[in-house]
Amino acid sequence: MRQNLYDTPHLTWVRAERYCELSGEPLSTIRNRVSQGIWVQNLHFKRITERALVVNLDAITDWFNHQPHFTTRHEMREG
């Protein structure tokens, strides 16, 4: 069972793999956001080794809250 992100003690930085466990997002999505420059180094993520990343939960939450809402086809028909 997936743990709720907010059921954990407040941490700012967590390993990307732990973020994926909590959020349900695949690691490939995180790596794409990093490689495409969607997430900013030292704000949203830091590299701790050549392949290992830690992510800033506060900055990612803020980034997520500013993303546009995705409208589904169902919502478009109703609206």
PDB file of N, CA and C in Angstrom:
ATOM      1  N   MET A   1       0.840  -1.181   0.000  1.00  0.00           N
ATOM      2  CA  MET A   1       0.000   0.000   0.000  1.00  0.00           C
ATOM      3  C   MET A   1       0.885   1.244   0.000  1.00  0.00           C
ATOM      4  N   ARG A   2       0.552   2.204  -0.847  1.00  0.00           N
ATOM      5  CA  ARG A   2       1.333   3.424  -0.955  1.00  0.00           C
ATOM      6  C   ARG A   2       1.075   4.324   0.242  1.00  0.00           C
ATOM      7  N   GLN A   3       2.146   4.883   0.770  1.00  0.00           N
ATOM      8  CA  GLN A   3       2.043   5.804   1.889  1.00  0.00           C
ATOM      9  C   GLN A   3       1.642   7.177   1.378  1.00  0.00           C
ATOM     10  N   ASN A   4       0.866   7.909   2.148  1.00  0.00           N
ATOM     11  CA  ASN A   4       0.523   9.275   1.798  1.00  0.00           C
ATOM     12  C   ASN A   4       1.746  10.152   2.012  1.00  0.00           C
ATOM     13  N   LEU A   5       2.024  11.034   1.068  1.00  0.00           N
ATOM     14  CA  LEU A   5       3.173  11.924   1.142  1.00  0.00           C
ATOM     15  C   LEU A   5       3.173  12.733   2.427  1.00  0.00           C
ATOM     16  N   TYR A   6       2.004  13.090   2.919  1.00  0.00           N
ATOM     17  CA  TYR A   6       1.913  13.963   4.084  1.00  0.00           C
ATOM     18  C   TYR A   6       1.799  13.197   5.394  1.00  0.00           C
ATOM     19  N   ASP A   7       1.870  11.856   5.360  1.00  0.00           N
ATOM     20  CA  ASP A   7       1.872  11.046   6.574  1.00  0.00           C
ATOM     21  C   ASP A   7       3.278  10.824   7.100  1.00  0.00           C
ATOM     22  N   THR A   8       4.272  11.426   6.476  1.00  0.00           N
ATOM     23  CA  THR A   8       5.655  11.255   6.896  1.00  0.00           C
ATOM     24  C   THR A   8       6.109  12.498   7.648  1.00  0.00           C
ATOM     25  N   PRO A   9       7.138  12.368   8.499  1.00  0.00           N
ATOM     26  CA  PRO A   9       7.677  13.569   9.149  1.00  0.00           C
ATOM     27  C   PRO A   9       8.131  14.552   8.080  1.00  0.00           C
ATOM     28  N   HIS A  10       8.076  15.843   8.388  1.00  0.00           N
ATOM     29  CA  HIS A  10       8.430  16.838   7.374  1.00  0.00           C
ATOM     30  C   HIS A  10       9.905  16.734   7.014  1.00  0.00           C
ATOM     31  N   LEU A  11      10.148  16.449   5.777  1.00  0.00           N
ATOM     32  CA  LEU A  11      11.487  16.428   5.206  1.00  0.00           C
ATOM     33  C   LEU A  11      11.467  17.346   4.005  1.00  0.00           C
ATOM     34  N   THR A  12      12.554  18.057   3.788  1.00  0.00           N
ATOM     35  CA  THR A  12      12.626  18.893   2.601  1.00  0.00           C
ATOM     36  C   THR A  12      13.205  18.108   1.434  1.00  0.00           C
ATOM     37  N   TRP A  13      14.304  17.407   1.656  1.00  0.00           N
ATOM     38  CA  TRP A  13      14.987  16.679   0.595  1.00  0.00           C
ATOM     39  C   TRP A  13      14.866  15.180   0.824  1.00  0.00           C
ATOM     40  N   VAL A  14      14.454  14.450  -0.204  1.00  0.00           N
ATOM     41  CA  VAL A  14      14.403  12.985  -0.158  1.00  0.00           C
ATOM     42  C   VAL A  14      14.992  12.434  -1.451  1.00  0.00           C
ATOM     43  N   ARG A  15      15.459  11.202  -1.385  1.00  0.00           N
ATOM     44  CA  ARG A  15      15.959  10.561  -2.603  1.00  0.00           C
ATOM     45  C   ARG A  15      14.819  10.450  -3.611  1.00  0.00           C
ATOM     46  N   ALA A  16      15.152  10.560  -4.874  1.00  0.00           N
ATOM     47  CA  ALA A  16      14.144  10.508  -5.934  1.00  0.00           C
ATOM     48  C   ALA A  16      13.340   9.214  -5.872  1.00  0.00           C
ATOM     49  N   GLU A  17      13.986   8.115  -5.526  1.00  0.00           N
ATOM     50  CA  GLU A  17      13.280   6.835  -5.444  1.00  0.00           C
ATOM     51  C   GLU A  17      12.201   6.867  -4.360  1.00  0.00           C
ATOM     52  N   ARG A  18      12.494   7.529  -3.252  1.00  0.00           N
ATOM     53  CA  ARG A  18      11.508   7.635  -2.166  1.00  0.00           C
ATOM     54  C   ARG A  18      10.341   8.519  -2.608  1.00  0.00           C
ATOM     55  N   TYR A  19      10.643   9.611  -3.295  1.00  0.00           N
ATOM     56  CA  TYR A  19       9.586  10.470  -3.833  1.00  0.00           C
ATOM     57  C   TYR A  19       8.675   9.663  -4.758  1.00  0.00           C
ATOM     58  N   CYS A  20       9.268   8.811  -5.583  1.00  0.00           N
ATOM     59  CA  CYS A  20       8.482   7.988  -6.505  1.00  0.00           C
ATOM     60  C   CYS A  20       7.579   7.023  -5.746  1.00  0.00           C
ATOM     61  N   GLU A  21       8.089   6.446  -4.659  1.00  0.00           N
ATOM     62  CA  GLU A  21       7.261   5.560  -3.831  1.00  0.00           C
ATOM     63  C   GLU A  21       6.067   6.314  -3.257  1.00  0.00           C
ATOM     64  N   LEU A  22       6.305   7.529  -2.801  1.00  0.00           N
ATOM     65  CA  LEU A  22       5.255   8.318  -2.158  1.00  0.00           C
ATOM     66  C   LEU A  22       4.249   8.883  -3.154  1.00  0.00           C
ATOM     67  N   SER A  23       4.733   9.321  -4.311  1.00  0.00           N
ATOM     68  CA  SER A  23       3.863   9.999  -5.278  1.00  0.00           C
ATOM     69  C   SER A  23       3.234   9.053  -6.294  1.00  0.00           C
ATOM     70  N   GLY A  24       3.864   7.904  -6.505  1.00  0.00           N
ATOM     71  CA  GLY A  24       3.377   6.990  -7.532  1.00  0.00           C
ATOM     72  C   GLY A  24       3.904   7.307  -8.919  1.00  0.00           C
ATOM     73  N   GLU A  25       4.711   8.342  -9.053  1.00  0.00           N
ATOM     74  CA  GLU A  25       5.297   8.677 -10.350  1.00  0.00           C
ATOM     75  C   GLU A  25       6.505   7.785 -10.613  1.00  0.00           C
ATOM     76  N   PRO A  26       6.714   7.375 -11.861  1.00  0.00           N
ATOM     77  CA  PRO A  26       7.891   6.561 -12.164  1.00  0.00           C
ATOM     78  C   PRO A  26       9.164   7.410 -12.165  1.00  0.00           C
ATOM     79  N   LEU A  27      10.282   6.769 -11.864  1.00  0.00           N
ATOM     80  CA  LEU A  27      11.569   7.461 -11.849  1.00  0.00           C
ATOM     81  C   LEU A  27      11.886   8.056 -13.219  1.00  0.00           C
ATOM     82  N   SER A  28      11.438   7.419 -14.283  1.00  0.00           N
ATOM     83  CA  SER A  28      11.691   7.953 -15.631  1.00  0.00           C
ATOM     84  C   SER A  28      11.061   9.337 -15.810  1.00  0.00           C
ATOM     85  N   THR A  29       9.917   9.577 -15.187  1.00  0.00           N
ATOM     86  CA  THR A  29       9.273  10.894 -15.260  1.00  0.00           C
ATOM     87  C   THR A  29      10.138  11.939 -14.572  1.00  0.00           C
ATOM     88  N   ILE A  30      10.692  11.583 -13.429  1.00  0.00           N
ATOM     89  CA  ILE A  30      11.560  12.504 -12.688  1.00  0.00           C
ATOM     90  C   ILE A  30      12.799  12.814 -13.523  1.00  0.00           C
ATOM     91  N   ARG A  31      13.414  11.777 -14.062  1.00  0.00           N
ATOM     92  CA  ARG A  31      14.619  11.982 -14.876  1.00  0.00           C
ATOM     93  C   ARG A  31      14.311  12.822 -16.124  1.00  0.00           C
ATOM     94  N   ASN A  32      13.138  12.662 -16.718  1.00  0.00           N
ATOM     95  CA  ASN A  32      12.748  13.490 -17.868  1.00  0.00           C
ATOM     96  C   ASN A  32      12.601  14.949 -17.470  1.00  0.00           C
ATOM     97  N   ARG A  33      11.982  15.212 -16.333  1.00  0.00           N
ATOM     98  CA  ARG A  33      11.832  16.602 -15.877  1.00  0.00           C
ATOM     99  C   ARG A  33      13.195  17.246 -15.635  1.00  0.00           C
ATOM    100  N   VAL A  34      14.125  16.464 -15.131  1.00  0.00           N
ATOM    101  CA  VAL A  34      15.481  16.962 -14.897  1.00  0.00           C
ATOM    102  C   VAL A  34      16.187  17.206 -16.227  1.00  0.00           C
ATOM    103  N   SER A  35      16.194  16.229 -17.116  1.00  0.00           N
ATOM    104  CA  SER A  35      16.944  16.349 -18.374  1.00  0.00           C
ATOM    105  C   SER A  35      16.352  17.398 -19.309  1.00  0.00           C
ATOM    106  N   GLN A  36      15.042  17.622 -19.237  1.00  0.00           N
ATOM    107  CA  GLN A  36      14.393  18.616 -20.092  1.00  0.00           C
ATOM    108  C   GLN A  36      14.412  20.014 -19.480  1.00  0.00           C
ATOM    109  N   GLY A  37      14.978  20.153 -18.286  1.00  0.00           N
ATOM    110  CA  GLY A  37      15.069  21.464 -17.646  1.00  0.00           C
ATOM    111  C   GLY A  37      13.764  21.943 -17.039  1.00  0.00           C
ATOM    112  N   ILE A  38      12.800  21.041 -16.871  1.00  0.00           N
ATOM    113  CA  ILE A  38      11.521  21.414 -16.260  1.00  0.00           C
ATOM    114  C   ILE A  38      11.726  21.685 -14.777  1.00  0.00           C
ATOM    115  N   TRP A  39      12.539  20.847 -14.143  1.00  0.00           N
ATOM    116  CA  TRP A  39      12.917  21.075 -12.748  1.00  0.00           C
ATOM    117  C   TRP A  39      14.314  21.678 -12.725  1.00  0.00           C
ATOM    118  N   VAL A  40      14.521  22.650 -11.850  1.00  0.00           N
ATOM    119  CA  VAL A  40      15.755  23.422 -11.775  1.00  0.00           C
ATOM    120  C   VAL A  40      16.700  22.817 -10.732  1.00  0.00           C
ATOM    121  N   GLN A  41      17.963  22.631 -11.155  1.00  0.00           N
ATOM    122  CA  GLN A  41      18.958  22.091 -10.226  1.00  0.00           C
ATOM    123  C   GLN A  41      19.156  23.043  -9.052  1.00  0.00           C
ATOM    124  N   ASN A  42      19.316  22.507  -7.878  1.00  0.00           N
ATOM    125  CA  ASN A  42      19.483  23.194  -6.593  1.00  0.00           C
ATOM    126  C   ASN A  42      18.208  23.856  -6.090  1.00  0.00           C
ATOM    127  N   LEU A  43      17.144  23.820  -6.865  1.00  0.00           N
ATOM    128  CA  LEU A  43      15.832  24.257  -6.387  1.00  0.00           C
ATOM    129  C   LEU A  43      14.929  23.032  -6.241  1.00  0.00           C
ATOM    130  N   HIS A  44      14.692  22.331  -7.334  1.00  0.00           N
ATOM    131  CA  HIS A  44      13.829  21.148  -7.314  1.00  0.00           C
ATOM    132  C   HIS A  44      14.604  19.856  -7.056  1.00  0.00           C
ATOM    133  N   PHE A  45      15.842  19.803  -7.460  1.00  0.00           N
ATOM    134  CA  PHE A  45      16.635  18.579  -7.300  1.00  0.00           C
ATOM    135  C   PHE A  45      18.108  18.914  -7.131  1.00  0.00           C
ATOM    136  N   LYS A  46      18.841  17.959  -6.573  1.00  0.00           N
ATOM    137  CA  LYS A  46      20.304  18.018  -6.492  1.00  0.00           C
ATOM    138  C   LYS A  46      20.833  16.642  -6.847  1.00  0.00           C
ATOM    139  N   ARG A  47      21.969  16.618  -7.488  1.00  0.00           N
ATOM    140  CA  ARG A  47      22.650  15.355  -7.776  1.00  0.00           C
ATOM    141  C   ARG A  47      23.578  15.055  -6.603  1.00  0.00           C
ATOM    142  N   ILE A  48      23.477  13.843  -6.058  1.00  0.00           N
ATOM    143  CA  ILE A  48      24.380  13.472  -4.974  1.00  0.00           C
ATOM    144  C   ILE A  48      25.459  12.506  -5.457  1.00  0.00           C
ATOM    145  N   THR A  49      25.231  11.886  -6.589  1.00  0.00           N
ATOM    146  CA  THR A  49      26.251  11.125  -7.327  1.00  0.00           C
ATOM    147  C   THR A  49      25.907  11.319  -8.799  1.00  0.00           C
ATOM    148  N   GLU A  50      26.661  10.668  -9.660  1.00  0.00           N
ATOM    149  CA  GLU A  50      26.399  10.826 -11.095  1.00  0.00           C
ATOM    150  C   GLU A  50      24.975  10.435 -11.473  1.00  0.00           C
ATOM    151  N   ARG A  51      24.422   9.398 -10.823  1.00  0.00           N
ATOM    152  CA  ARG A  51      23.073   8.933 -11.173  1.00  0.00           C
ATOM    153  C   ARG A  51      22.028   9.184 -10.091  1.00  0.00           C
ATOM    154  N   ALA A  52      22.454   9.442  -8.872  1.00  0.00           N
ATOM    155  CA  ALA A  52      21.499   9.576  -7.762  1.00  0.00           C
ATOM    156  C   ALA A  52      21.043  11.023  -7.599  1.00  0.00           C
ATOM    157  N   LEU A  53      19.735  11.176  -7.401  1.00  0.00           N
ATOM    158  CA  LEU A  53      19.139  12.496  -7.216  1.00  0.00           C
ATOM    159  C   LEU A  53      18.417  12.555  -5.881  1.00  0.00           C
ATOM    160  N   VAL A  54      18.401  13.746  -5.296  1.00  0.00           N
ATOM    161  CA  VAL A  54      17.480  14.032  -4.208  1.00  0.00           C
ATOM    162  C   VAL A  54      16.573  15.144  -4.706  1.00  0.00           C
ATOM    163  N   VAL A  55      15.338  15.141  -4.235  1.00  0.00           N
ATOM    164  CA  VAL A  55      14.374  16.141  -4.683  1.00  0.00           C
ATOM    165  C   VAL A  55      13.833  16.915  -3.489  1.00  0.00           C
ATOM    166  N   ASN A  56      13.480  18.156  -3.739  1.00  0.00           N
ATOM    167  CA  ASN A  56      12.975  19.063  -2.721  1.00  0.00           C
ATOM    168  C   ASN A  56      11.446  19.000  -2.732  1.00  0.00           C
ATOM    169  N   LEU A  57      10.881  18.376  -1.718  1.00  0.00           N
ATOM    170  CA  LEU A  57       9.427  18.193  -1.676  1.00  0.00           C
ATOM    171  C   LEU A  57       8.673  19.518  -1.652  1.00  0.00           C
ATOM    172  N   ASP A  58       9.190  20.504  -0.927  1.00  0.00           N
ATOM    173  CA  ASP A  58       8.510  21.799  -0.861  1.00  0.00           C
ATOM    174  C   ASP A  58       8.493  22.486  -2.226  1.00  0.00           C
ATOM    175  N   ALA A  59       9.635  22.502  -2.907  1.00  0.00           N
ATOM    176  CA  ALA A  59       9.716  23.150  -4.221  1.00  0.00           C
ATOM    177  C   ALA A  59       8.879  22.408  -5.257  1.00  0.00           C
ATOM    178  N   ILE A  60       8.861  21.083  -5.182  1.00  0.00           N
ATOM    179  CA  ILE A  60       8.066  20.297  -6.130  1.00  0.00           C
ATOM    180  C   ILE A  60       6.578  20.507  -5.889  1.00  0.00           C
ATOM    181  N   THR A  61       6.178  20.585  -4.629  1.00  0.00           N
ATOM    182  CA  THR A  61       4.769  20.861  -4.320  1.00  0.00           C
ATOM    183  C   THR A  61       4.367  22.220  -4.863  1.00  0.00           C
ATOM    184  N   ASP A  62       5.222  23.223  -4.686  1.00  0.00           N
ATOM    185  CA  ASP A  62       4.946  24.561  -5.213  1.00  0.00           C
ATOM    186  C   ASP A  62       4.872  24.525  -6.739  1.00  0.00           C
ATOM    187  N   TRP A  63       5.808  23.825  -7.384  1.00  0.00           N
ATOM    188  CA  TRP A  63       5.797  23.691  -8.842  1.00  0.00           C
ATOM    189  C   TRP A  63       4.498  23.032  -9.301  1.00  0.00           C
ATOM    190  N   PHE A  64       4.123  21.938  -8.642  1.00  0.00           N
ATOM    191  CA  PHE A  64       2.912  21.207  -9.003  1.00  0.00           C
ATOM    192  C   PHE A  64       1.674  22.090  -8.866  1.00  0.00           C
ATOM    193  N   ASN A  65       1.593  22.861  -7.791  1.00  0.00           N
ATOM    194  CA  ASN A  65       0.430  23.716  -7.553  1.00  0.00           C
ATOM    195  C   ASN A  65       0.284  24.814  -8.598  1.00  0.00           C
ATOM    196  N   HIS A  66       1.351  25.123  -9.313  1.00  0.00           N
ATOM    197  CA  HIS A  66       1.297  26.158 -10.350  1.00  0.00           C
ATOM    198  C   HIS A  66       1.140  25.590 -11.761  1.00  0.00           C
ATOM    199  N   GLN A  67       0.958  24.286 -11.875  1.00  0.00           N
ATOM    200  CA  GLN A  67       0.744  23.672 -13.191  1.00  0.00           C
ATOM    201  C   GLN A  67      -0.720  23.849 -13.592  1.00  0.00           C
ATOM    202  N   PRO A  68      -0.977  24.046 -14.888  1.00  0.00           N
ATOM    203  CA  PRO A  68      -2.368  24.193 -15.324  1.00  0.00           C
ATOM    204  C   PRO A  68      -3.148  22.900 -15.113  1.00  0.00           C
ATOM    205  N   HIS A  69      -4.420  23.051 -14.900  1.00  0.00           N
ATOM    206  CA  HIS A  69      -5.317  21.908 -14.743  1.00  0.00           C
ATOM    207  C   HIS A  69      -5.512  21.251 -16.096  1.00  0.00           C
ATOM    208  N   PHE A  70      -5.412  19.932 -16.144  1.00  0.00           N
ATOM    209  CA  PHE A  70      -5.640  19.177 -17.372  1.00  0.00           C
ATOM    210  C   PHE A  70      -7.128  18.892 -17.482  1.00  0.00           C
ATOM    211  N   THR A  71      -7.739  19.337 -18.554  1.00  0.00           N
ATOM    212  CA  THR A  71      -9.168  19.130 -18.762  1.00  0.00           C
ATOM    213  C   THR A  71      -9.385  17.843 -19.546  1.00  0.00           C
ATOM    214  N   THR A  72     -10.192  16.961 -19.002  1.00  0.00           N
ATOM    215  CA  THR A  72     -10.494  15.700 -19.680  1.00  0.00           C
ATOM    216  C   THR A  72     -11.595  15.916 -20.713  1.00  0.00           C
ATOM    217  N   ARG A  73     -11.747  14.977 -21.613  1.00  0.00           N
ATOM    218  CA  ARG A  73     -12.827  15.054 -22.608  1.00  0.00           C
ATOM    219  C   ARG A  73     -14.183  15.070 -21.919  1.00  0.00           C
ATOM    220  N   HIS A  74     -14.303  14.312 -20.847  1.00  0.00           N
ATOM    221  CA  HIS A  74     -15.557  14.265 -20.088  1.00  0.00           C
ATOM    222  C   HIS A  74     -15.898  15.654 -19.533  1.00  0.00           C
ATOM    223  N   GLU A  75     -14.906  16.337 -18.969  1.00  0.00           N
ATOM    224  CA  GLU A  75     -15.139  17.680 -18.438  1.00  0.00           C
ATOM    225  C   GLU A  75     -15.491  18.662 -19.549  1.00  0.00           C
ATOM    226  N   MET A  76     -14.887  18.496 -20.729  1.00  0.00           N
ATOM    227  CA  MET A  76     -15.163  19.398 -21.842  1.00  0.00           C
ATOM    228  C   MET A  76     -16.609  19.252 -22.309  1.00  0.00           C
ATOM    229  N   ARG A  77     -17.126  18.020 -22.315  1.00  0.00           N
ATOM    230  CA  ARG A  77     -18.513  17.794 -22.737  1.00  0.00           C
ATOM    231  C   ARG A  77     -19.496  18.380 -21.735  1.00  0.00           C
ATOM    232  N   GLU A  78     -19.148  18.295 -20.450  1.00  0.00           N
ATOM    233  CA  GLU A  78     -20.053  18.801 -19.412  1.00  0.00           C
ATOM    234  C   GLU A  78     -20.005  20.317 -19.309  1.00  0.00           C
ATOM    235  N   GLY A  79     -18.839  20.903 -19.587  1.00  0.00           N
ATOM    236  CA  GLY A  79     -18.630  22.327 -19.372  1.00  0.00           C
ATOM    237  C   GLY A  79     -19.183  23.144 -20.445  1.00  0.00           C
TER     238      GLY A  79
END
